[in-house]
């Protein structure tokens, strides 16, 4: 089992350190940040209109 664990760790390290993963992570993080900002702005406008 230690041989398989080492291979799995190496493969995960290769994927997480690749440029493709970094770009994908940046896109997902940007999407969530924008979504949070838009929700916050919308909720503030709704609260003010009450």
C-alpha atoms as a PDB file:
ATOM      1  CA  UNK A   1       0.000   0.000   0.000  1.00  0.00           C
ATOM      2  CA  UNK A   2       2.903   2.416   0.551  1.00  0.00           C
ATOM      3  CA  UNK A   3       3.913   2.125  -3.113  1.00  0.00           C
ATOM      4  CA  UNK A   4       0.444   3.093  -4.292  1.00  0.00           C
ATOM      5  CA  UNK A   5       0.274   5.922  -1.746  1.00  0.00           C
ATOM      6  CA  UNK A   6       3.558   7.342  -3.014  1.00  0.00           C
ATOM      7  CA  UNK A   7       2.333   7.215  -6.609  1.00  0.00           C
ATOM      8  CA  UNK A   8      -0.958   8.880  -5.680  1.00  0.00           C
ATOM      9  CA  UNK A   9       0.872  11.644  -3.774  1.00  0.00           C
ATOM     10  CA  UNK A  10       3.237  12.247  -6.698  1.00  0.00           C
ATOM     11  CA  UNK A  11       0.390  12.385  -9.228  1.00  0.00           C
ATOM     12  CA  UNK A  12      -1.608  14.804  -7.060  1.00  0.00           C
ATOM     13  CA  UNK A  13       1.459  16.996  -6.599  1.00  0.00           C
ATOM     14  CA  UNK A  14       1.962  17.047 -10.364  1.00  0.00           C
ATOM     15  CA  UNK A  15      -1.646  18.060 -10.970  1.00  0.00           C
ATOM     16  CA  UNK A  16      -1.753  20.731  -8.255  1.00  0.00           C
ATOM     17  CA  UNK A  17       1.496  22.330  -9.412  1.00  0.00           C
ATOM     18  CA  UNK A  18       0.527  22.481 -13.101  1.00  0.00           C
ATOM     19  CA  UNK A  19      -0.321  25.741 -14.832  1.00  0.00           C
ATOM     20  CA  UNK A  20      -3.651  24.326 -15.997  1.00  0.00           C
ATOM     21  CA  UNK A  21      -4.752  23.683 -12.401  1.00  0.00           C
ATOM     22  CA  UNK A  22      -3.585  27.116 -11.266  1.00  0.00           C
ATOM     23  CA  UNK A  23      -5.560  28.822 -14.059  1.00  0.00           C
ATOM     24  CA  UNK A  24      -8.639  26.726 -13.325  1.00  0.00           C
ATOM     25  CA  UNK A  25      -8.387  27.496  -9.605  1.00  0.00           C
ATOM     26  CA  UNK A  26      -7.988  31.221 -10.334  1.00  0.00           C
ATOM     27  CA  UNK A  27     -11.092  31.206 -12.546  1.00  0.00           C
ATOM     28  CA  UNK A  28     -13.162  29.394  -9.940  1.00  0.00           C
ATOM     29  CA  UNK A  29     -11.938  31.666  -7.134  1.00  0.00           C
ATOM     30  CA  UNK A  30     -12.678  34.779  -9.220  1.00  0.00           C
ATOM     31  CA  UNK A  31     -16.178  33.499  -9.950  1.00  0.00           C
ATOM     32  CA  UNK A  32     -16.926  32.926  -6.259  1.00  0.00           C
ATOM     33  CA  UNK A  33     -15.517  36.313  -5.256  1.00  0.00           C
ATOM     34  CA  UNK A  34     -17.608  38.105  -7.912  1.00  0.00           C
ATOM     35  CA  UNK A  35     -20.688  36.148  -6.866  1.00  0.00           C
ATOM     36  CA  UNK A  36     -20.128  37.147  -3.228  1.00  0.00           C
ATOM     37  CA  UNK A  37     -19.696  40.808  -4.126  1.00  0.00           C
ATOM     38  CA  UNK A  38     -22.821  40.866  -6.287  1.00  0.00           C
ATOM     39  CA  UNK A  39     -24.874  39.139  -3.591  1.00  0.00           C
ATOM     40  CA  UNK A  40     -23.642  41.595  -0.976  1.00  0.00           C
ATOM     41  CA  UNK A  41     -24.492  44.596  -3.163  1.00  0.00           C
ATOM     42  CA  UNK A  42     -27.928  43.183  -3.976  1.00  0.00           C
ATOM     43  CA  UNK A  43     -28.722  42.486  -0.314  1.00  0.00           C
ATOM     44  CA  UNK A  44     -27.645  45.992   0.708  1.00  0.00           C
ATOM     45  CA  UNK A  45     -29.934  47.504  -1.933  1.00  0.00           C
ATOM     46  CA  UNK A  46     -32.838  45.343  -0.795  1.00  0.00           C
ATOM     47  CA  UNK A  47     -32.289  46.280   2.858  1.00  0.00           C
ATOM     48  CA  UNK A  48     -32.181  49.995   1.970  1.00  0.00           C
ATOM     49  CA  UNK A  49     -35.431  49.734   0.034  1.00  0.00           C
ATOM     50  CA  UNK A  50     -37.280  48.421   3.091  1.00  0.00           C
END
